[in-house]
N, C-alpha and C. Protein backbone atom coordinates (compact mmCIF):
# COMPACT_ATOMS: atom_id res chain seq x y z
N UNK A 1 0.85 -1.18 0.00
CA UNK A 1 0.00 0.00 0.00
C UNK A 1 0.89 1.24 0.00
N UNK A 2 0.71 2.08 -0.97
CA UNK A 2 1.54 3.27 -1.11
C UNK A 2 1.38 4.22 0.06
N UNK A 3 0.17 4.37 0.59
CA UNK A 3 -0.04 5.29 1.71
C UNK A 3 0.73 4.82 2.94
N UNK A 4 0.72 3.53 3.18
CA UNK A 4 1.45 2.99 4.33
C UNK A 4 2.94 3.29 4.21
N UNK A 5 3.52 3.06 3.04
CA UNK A 5 4.94 3.35 2.85
C UNK A 5 5.23 4.84 2.96
N UNK A 6 4.33 5.67 2.44
CA UNK A 6 4.51 7.12 2.54
C UNK A 6 4.51 7.57 4.00
N UNK A 7 3.62 6.99 4.80
CA UNK A 7 3.59 7.34 6.23
C UNK A 7 4.86 6.89 6.93
N UNK A 8 5.35 5.71 6.57
CA UNK A 8 6.60 5.23 7.17
C UNK A 8 7.77 6.14 6.79
N UNK A 9 7.81 6.58 5.55
CA UNK A 9 8.87 7.50 5.11
C UNK A 9 8.77 8.83 5.84
N UNK A 10 7.54 9.33 6.00
CA UNK A 10 7.34 10.59 6.70
C UNK A 10 7.78 10.46 8.16
N UNK A 11 7.49 9.32 8.76
CA UNK A 11 7.90 9.10 10.15
C UNK A 11 9.42 9.14 10.27
N UNK A 12 10.12 8.51 9.34
CA UNK A 12 11.59 8.52 9.37
C UNK A 12 12.12 9.95 9.25
N UNK A 13 11.51 10.74 8.39
CA UNK A 13 11.92 12.14 8.25
C UNK A 13 11.73 12.90 9.56
N UNK A 14 10.60 12.65 10.23
CA UNK A 14 10.32 13.33 11.50
C UNK A 14 11.31 12.88 12.58
N UNK A 15 11.66 11.61 12.57
CA UNK A 15 12.63 11.12 13.56
C UNK A 15 13.99 11.78 13.33
N UNK A 16 14.37 11.96 12.08
CA UNK A 16 15.62 12.67 11.77
C UNK A 16 15.54 14.11 12.26
N UNK A 17 14.38 14.73 12.09
CA UNK A 17 14.19 16.11 12.54
C UNK A 17 14.26 16.20 14.06
N UNK A 18 13.69 15.23 14.74
CA UNK A 18 13.75 15.22 16.21
C UNK A 18 15.19 15.17 16.67
N UNK A 19 15.99 14.35 16.04
CA UNK A 19 17.40 14.23 16.40
C UNK A 19 18.09 15.60 16.28
N UNK A 20 17.80 16.34 15.21
CA UNK A 20 18.41 17.66 15.03
C UNK A 20 17.85 18.66 16.03
N UNK A 21 16.56 18.59 16.33
CA UNK A 21 15.94 19.53 17.26
C UNK A 21 16.41 19.32 18.69
N UNK A 22 16.70 18.10 19.06
CA UNK A 22 17.17 17.84 20.42
C UNK A 22 18.46 18.59 20.71
N UNK A 23 19.27 18.78 19.71
CA UNK A 23 20.54 19.50 19.88
C UNK A 23 20.39 21.01 19.75
N UNK A 24 19.23 21.48 19.25
CA UNK A 24 19.09 22.91 18.95
C UNK A 24 18.37 23.72 20.02
N UNK A 25 17.93 23.08 21.07
CA UNK A 25 17.24 23.77 22.16
C UNK A 25 16.00 24.52 21.67
N UNK A 26 15.13 23.84 20.96
CA UNK A 26 13.84 24.38 20.52
C UNK A 26 12.73 23.48 21.06
N UNK A 27 12.42 23.60 22.35
CA UNK A 27 11.47 22.66 22.97
C UNK A 27 10.07 22.71 22.37
N UNK A 28 9.58 23.87 21.97
CA UNK A 28 8.24 23.96 21.39
C UNK A 28 8.16 23.20 20.07
N UNK A 29 9.16 23.39 19.22
CA UNK A 29 9.19 22.70 17.94
C UNK A 29 9.37 21.20 18.15
N UNK A 30 10.19 20.83 19.09
CA UNK A 30 10.42 19.41 19.40
C UNK A 30 9.10 18.76 19.85
N UNK A 31 8.36 19.43 20.70
CA UNK A 31 7.07 18.90 21.17
C UNK A 31 6.10 18.74 20.00
N UNK A 32 6.07 19.71 19.10
CA UNK A 32 5.19 19.65 17.94
C UNK A 32 5.55 18.45 17.04
N UNK A 33 6.81 18.25 16.77
CA UNK A 33 7.24 17.14 15.91
C UNK A 33 6.95 15.81 16.60
N UNK A 34 7.19 15.73 17.92
CA UNK A 34 6.88 14.51 18.66
C UNK A 34 5.39 14.16 18.57
N UNK A 35 4.53 15.17 18.65
CA UNK A 35 3.09 14.96 18.52
C UNK A 35 2.75 14.40 17.14
N UNK A 36 3.41 14.93 16.11
CA UNK A 36 3.17 14.43 14.76
C UNK A 36 3.64 12.98 14.62
N UNK A 37 4.75 12.62 15.23
CA UNK A 37 5.24 11.24 15.18
C UNK A 37 4.24 10.30 15.85
N UNK A 38 3.65 10.71 16.95
CA UNK A 38 2.64 9.89 17.62
C UNK A 38 1.45 9.66 16.69
N UNK A 39 1.00 10.72 16.00
CA UNK A 39 -0.10 10.59 15.03
C UNK A 39 0.31 9.64 13.90
N UNK A 40 1.52 9.78 13.38
CA UNK A 40 1.99 8.90 12.31
C UNK A 40 2.02 7.44 12.77
N UNK A 41 2.49 7.21 13.99
CA UNK A 41 2.51 5.84 14.52
C UNK A 41 1.11 5.24 14.55
N UNK A 42 0.13 6.04 14.96
CA UNK A 42 -1.26 5.60 15.02
C UNK A 42 -1.77 5.26 13.62
N UNK A 43 -1.53 6.12 12.65
CA UNK A 43 -1.99 5.89 11.28
C UNK A 43 -1.31 4.68 10.65
N UNK A 44 -0.02 4.52 10.87
CA UNK A 44 0.72 3.37 10.34
C UNK A 44 0.15 2.07 10.91
N UNK A 45 -0.10 2.05 12.21
CA UNK A 45 -0.64 0.85 12.85
C UNK A 45 -2.04 0.54 12.33
N UNK A 46 -2.85 1.56 12.16
CA UNK A 46 -4.22 1.37 11.67
C UNK A 46 -4.21 0.77 10.26
N UNK A 47 -3.41 1.33 9.36
CA UNK A 47 -3.35 0.81 7.99
C UNK A 47 -2.73 -0.59 7.93
N UNK A 48 -1.76 -0.84 8.77
CA UNK A 48 -1.15 -2.18 8.81
C UNK A 48 -2.17 -3.22 9.27
N UNK A 49 -3.00 -2.86 10.27
CA UNK A 49 -4.04 -3.79 10.74
C UNK A 49 -5.06 -4.06 9.64
N UNK A 50 -5.47 -3.02 8.92
CA UNK A 50 -6.42 -3.21 7.81
C UNK A 50 -5.83 -4.15 6.78
N UNK A 51 -4.60 -3.91 6.40
CA UNK A 51 -3.96 -4.71 5.35
C UNK A 51 -3.83 -6.18 5.75
N UNK A 52 -3.39 -6.43 6.96
CA UNK A 52 -3.16 -7.82 7.37
C UNK A 52 -4.43 -8.56 7.76
N UNK A 53 -5.53 -7.85 7.98
CA UNK A 53 -6.77 -8.52 8.39
C UNK A 53 -7.65 -8.91 7.20
N UNK A 54 -7.22 -8.61 5.97
CA UNK A 54 -8.00 -8.94 4.79
C UNK A 54 -7.10 -9.61 3.75
N UNK A 55 -7.30 -10.90 3.52
CA UNK A 55 -6.43 -11.63 2.59
C UNK A 55 -6.33 -10.99 1.20
N UNK A 56 -7.39 -10.37 0.74
CA UNK A 56 -7.36 -9.73 -0.58
C UNK A 56 -6.30 -8.62 -0.65
N UNK A 57 -6.00 -8.00 0.47
CA UNK A 57 -5.05 -6.89 0.48
C UNK A 57 -3.60 -7.36 0.53
N UNK A 58 -3.40 -8.62 0.85
CA UNK A 58 -2.03 -9.13 0.90
C UNK A 58 -1.70 -10.07 -0.25
N UNK A 59 -2.72 -10.75 -0.81
CA UNK A 59 -2.40 -11.70 -1.87
C UNK A 59 -3.51 -11.89 -2.89
N UNK A 60 -4.49 -11.01 -2.94
CA UNK A 60 -5.58 -11.16 -3.89
C UNK A 60 -5.24 -10.63 -5.28
N UNK A 61 -6.04 -11.05 -6.26
CA UNK A 61 -5.91 -10.52 -7.61
C UNK A 61 -6.29 -9.04 -7.60
N UNK A 62 -5.78 -8.29 -8.55
CA UNK A 62 -5.98 -6.84 -8.58
C UNK A 62 -6.47 -6.39 -9.94
N UNK A 63 -7.38 -5.42 -9.94
CA UNK A 63 -7.85 -4.79 -11.18
C UNK A 63 -7.89 -3.29 -10.97
N UNK A 64 -7.19 -2.54 -11.82
CA UNK A 64 -7.25 -1.08 -11.74
C UNK A 64 -8.59 -0.64 -12.31
N UNK A 65 -9.33 0.13 -11.52
CA UNK A 65 -10.67 0.56 -11.91
C UNK A 65 -10.68 1.97 -12.50
N UNK A 66 -9.80 2.83 -12.01
CA UNK A 66 -9.75 4.21 -12.51
C UNK A 66 -8.41 4.81 -12.13
N UNK A 67 -7.82 5.53 -13.06
CA UNK A 67 -6.55 6.21 -12.78
C UNK A 67 -6.50 7.51 -13.57
N UNK A 68 -6.50 8.64 -12.86
CA UNK A 68 -6.32 9.94 -13.50
C UNK A 68 -4.88 10.08 -13.95
N UNK A 69 -4.67 10.70 -15.10
CA UNK A 69 -3.30 10.95 -15.55
C UNK A 69 -2.64 12.02 -14.69
N UNK A 70 -3.42 12.98 -14.22
CA UNK A 70 -2.93 14.00 -13.29
C UNK A 70 -3.36 13.57 -11.89
N UNK A 71 -3.07 14.38 -10.90
CA UNK A 71 -3.51 14.03 -9.56
C UNK A 71 -5.04 14.05 -9.51
N UNK A 72 -5.59 13.16 -8.73
CA UNK A 72 -7.04 13.00 -8.63
C UNK A 72 -7.37 11.63 -8.10
N UNK A 73 -8.25 10.92 -8.78
CA UNK A 73 -8.72 9.62 -8.30
C UNK A 73 -7.87 8.47 -8.84
N UNK A 74 -7.53 7.55 -7.93
CA UNK A 74 -6.96 6.26 -8.30
C UNK A 74 -7.80 5.21 -7.59
N UNK A 75 -8.39 4.29 -8.34
CA UNK A 75 -9.24 3.25 -7.77
C UNK A 75 -8.76 1.89 -8.24
N UNK A 76 -8.70 0.96 -7.32
CA UNK A 76 -8.26 -0.40 -7.64
C UNK A 76 -9.11 -1.38 -6.83
N UNK A 77 -9.42 -2.51 -7.41
CA UNK A 77 -10.13 -3.58 -6.71
C UNK A 77 -9.16 -4.71 -6.42
N UNK A 78 -9.31 -5.28 -5.25
CA UNK A 78 -8.56 -6.49 -4.89
C UNK A 78 -9.61 -7.55 -4.57
N UNK A 79 -9.32 -8.79 -4.94
CA UNK A 79 -10.28 -9.87 -4.78
C UNK A 79 -9.74 -10.93 -3.83
N UNK A 80 -10.56 -11.29 -2.84
CA UNK A 80 -10.18 -12.27 -1.85
C UNK A 80 -9.87 -13.60 -2.54
N UNK A 81 -8.68 -14.19 -2.27
CA UNK A 81 -8.32 -15.44 -2.94
C UNK A 81 -9.18 -16.63 -2.49
N UNK A 82 -9.85 -16.51 -1.36
CA UNK A 82 -10.67 -17.62 -0.87
C UNK A 82 -12.09 -17.60 -1.41
N UNK A 83 -12.78 -16.48 -1.26
CA UNK A 83 -14.18 -16.44 -1.68
C UNK A 83 -14.45 -15.48 -2.83
N UNK A 84 -13.44 -14.75 -3.28
CA UNK A 84 -13.59 -13.88 -4.44
C UNK A 84 -14.25 -12.54 -4.19
N UNK A 85 -14.61 -12.23 -2.93
CA UNK A 85 -15.28 -10.94 -2.72
C UNK A 85 -14.32 -9.77 -3.01
N UNK A 86 -14.92 -8.69 -3.43
CA UNK A 86 -14.17 -7.53 -3.91
C UNK A 86 -13.96 -6.50 -2.80
N UNK A 87 -12.75 -5.99 -2.72
CA UNK A 87 -12.45 -4.85 -1.86
C UNK A 87 -11.99 -3.73 -2.79
N UNK A 88 -12.66 -2.59 -2.71
CA UNK A 88 -12.34 -1.46 -3.57
C UNK A 88 -11.50 -0.47 -2.76
N UNK A 89 -10.34 -0.12 -3.30
CA UNK A 89 -9.45 0.84 -2.66
C UNK A 89 -9.50 2.13 -3.47
N UNK A 90 -9.80 3.22 -2.81
CA UNK A 90 -9.92 4.53 -3.47
C UNK A 90 -8.91 5.47 -2.86
N UNK A 91 -8.17 6.17 -3.72
CA UNK A 91 -7.15 7.10 -3.26
C UNK A 91 -7.37 8.44 -3.95
N UNK A 92 -7.42 9.48 -3.16
CA UNK A 92 -7.47 10.84 -3.71
C UNK A 92 -6.03 11.34 -3.71
N UNK A 93 -5.43 11.42 -4.89
CA UNK A 93 -4.03 11.82 -5.00
C UNK A 93 -3.88 13.33 -5.19
N UNK A 94 -4.99 14.04 -5.14
CA UNK A 94 -4.97 15.49 -5.30
C UNK A 94 -5.38 16.20 -4.03
N UNK A 95 -5.55 17.50 -4.15
CA UNK A 95 -5.87 18.33 -3.00
C UNK A 95 -7.37 18.63 -2.89
N UNK A 96 -8.14 18.41 -3.95
CA UNK A 96 -9.56 18.74 -3.92
C UNK A 96 -10.41 17.49 -3.80
N UNK A 97 -11.66 17.67 -3.36
CA UNK A 97 -12.56 16.53 -3.22
C UNK A 97 -12.94 15.99 -4.60
N UNK A 98 -13.41 14.75 -4.61
CA UNK A 98 -13.71 14.05 -5.85
C UNK A 98 -15.16 13.57 -5.82
N UNK A 99 -15.84 13.69 -6.96
CA UNK A 99 -17.19 13.18 -7.13
C UNK A 99 -17.20 12.42 -8.45
N UNK A 100 -17.26 11.08 -8.39
CA UNK A 100 -17.18 10.29 -9.61
C UNK A 100 -17.83 8.93 -9.41
N UNK A 101 -18.14 8.27 -10.51
CA UNK A 101 -18.58 6.87 -10.49
C UNK A 101 -17.37 6.01 -10.78
N UNK A 102 -17.27 4.89 -10.07
CA UNK A 102 -16.16 3.96 -10.26
C UNK A 102 -16.73 2.58 -10.57
N UNK A 103 -16.16 1.94 -11.56
CA UNK A 103 -16.58 0.59 -11.94
C UNK A 103 -16.22 -0.41 -10.84
N UNK A 104 -17.15 -1.33 -10.58
CA UNK A 104 -16.91 -2.46 -9.67
C UNK A 104 -17.50 -3.69 -10.34
N UNK A 105 -17.25 -4.86 -9.76
CA UNK A 105 -17.85 -6.09 -10.28
C UNK A 105 -19.37 -5.99 -10.15
N UNK A 106 -20.09 -6.46 -11.15
CA UNK A 106 -21.56 -6.38 -11.15
C UNK A 106 -22.15 -7.04 -9.91
N UNK A 107 -21.54 -8.11 -9.43
CA UNK A 107 -22.04 -8.80 -8.25
C UNK A 107 -21.72 -8.12 -6.93
N UNK A 108 -20.89 -7.10 -6.96
CA UNK A 108 -20.53 -6.36 -5.74
C UNK A 108 -21.59 -5.27 -5.52
N UNK A 109 -22.42 -5.46 -4.49
CA UNK A 109 -23.53 -4.52 -4.28
C UNK A 109 -23.46 -3.78 -2.95
N UNK A 110 -22.77 -4.32 -1.95
CA UNK A 110 -22.69 -3.67 -0.64
C UNK A 110 -21.23 -3.53 -0.25
N UNK A 111 -20.92 -2.40 0.39
CA UNK A 111 -19.54 -2.10 0.76
C UNK A 111 -19.48 -1.65 2.22
N UNK A 112 -18.37 -1.96 2.87
CA UNK A 112 -18.12 -1.56 4.25
C UNK A 112 -16.78 -0.84 4.30
N UNK A 113 -16.73 0.28 4.97
CA UNK A 113 -15.48 1.04 5.07
C UNK A 113 -14.48 0.29 5.94
N UNK A 114 -13.26 0.13 5.43
CA UNK A 114 -12.17 -0.43 6.22
C UNK A 114 -11.36 0.69 6.84
N UNK A 115 -11.30 1.83 6.16
CA UNK A 115 -10.64 3.04 6.65
C UNK A 115 -11.26 4.20 5.87
N UNK A 116 -11.55 5.28 6.54
CA UNK A 116 -12.18 6.41 5.86
C UNK A 116 -13.67 6.17 5.69
N UNK A 117 -14.28 6.95 4.79
CA UNK A 117 -15.71 6.85 4.56
C UNK A 117 -15.97 6.00 3.33
N UNK A 118 -17.19 5.44 3.25
CA UNK A 118 -17.51 4.51 2.18
C UNK A 118 -18.97 4.64 1.78
N UNK A 119 -19.24 4.54 0.47
CA UNK A 119 -20.60 4.44 -0.02
C UNK A 119 -21.06 3.01 0.28
N UNK A 120 -22.14 2.82 1.07
CA UNK A 120 -22.49 1.47 1.51
C UNK A 120 -23.08 0.56 0.43
N UNK A 121 -23.66 1.12 -0.63
CA UNK A 121 -24.26 0.29 -1.67
C UNK A 121 -23.83 0.79 -3.04
N UNK A 122 -23.94 -0.12 -4.01
CA UNK A 122 -23.62 0.24 -5.39
C UNK A 122 -24.63 1.27 -5.89
N UNK A 123 -24.15 2.22 -6.68
CA UNK A 123 -25.01 3.24 -7.28
C UNK A 123 -25.93 2.60 -8.32
N UNK A 124 -25.38 1.71 -9.09
CA UNK A 124 -26.08 0.94 -10.12
C UNK A 124 -25.27 -0.35 -10.28
N UNK A 125 -25.82 -1.37 -10.93
CA UNK A 125 -25.01 -2.59 -11.10
C UNK A 125 -23.67 -2.25 -11.77
N UNK A 126 -22.59 -2.64 -11.09
CA UNK A 126 -21.26 -2.41 -11.63
C UNK A 126 -20.69 -1.02 -11.42
N UNK A 127 -21.26 -0.24 -10.47
CA UNK A 127 -20.78 1.13 -10.27
C UNK A 127 -21.02 1.61 -8.85
N UNK A 128 -20.03 2.29 -8.27
CA UNK A 128 -20.23 2.97 -6.99
C UNK A 128 -19.90 4.44 -7.17
N UNK A 129 -20.52 5.28 -6.38
CA UNK A 129 -20.31 6.72 -6.41
C UNK A 129 -19.33 7.09 -5.31
N UNK A 130 -18.30 7.84 -5.66
CA UNK A 130 -17.32 8.29 -4.66
C UNK A 130 -17.18 9.79 -4.72
């Protein structure tokens, strides 16, 4: 998962910054960076739990559903290797909100959020609104 790796990279950058701040006598900035590291640790753990608790996210087949050439929406489906159910992963790679229809398997009609918000039902057969 790209977001998980990005959070881990950001955490490493913050840890490097903490090391430099400890020597610079800037306690307010050090406290602020430490708070951000705590938040990053929480987000990393949350995404890691989601990934490892769903077989489709670790070893399922994958289908790219939508990819903007510029920043915007990236959607991909992963399919559970045991029962074939679909997990749709949606990423907003831009700074503004997104309103779009995304293709899903026709048999996929109900969805549950694993992280973030989720449209609970298909908009139409083979489509969800995000």
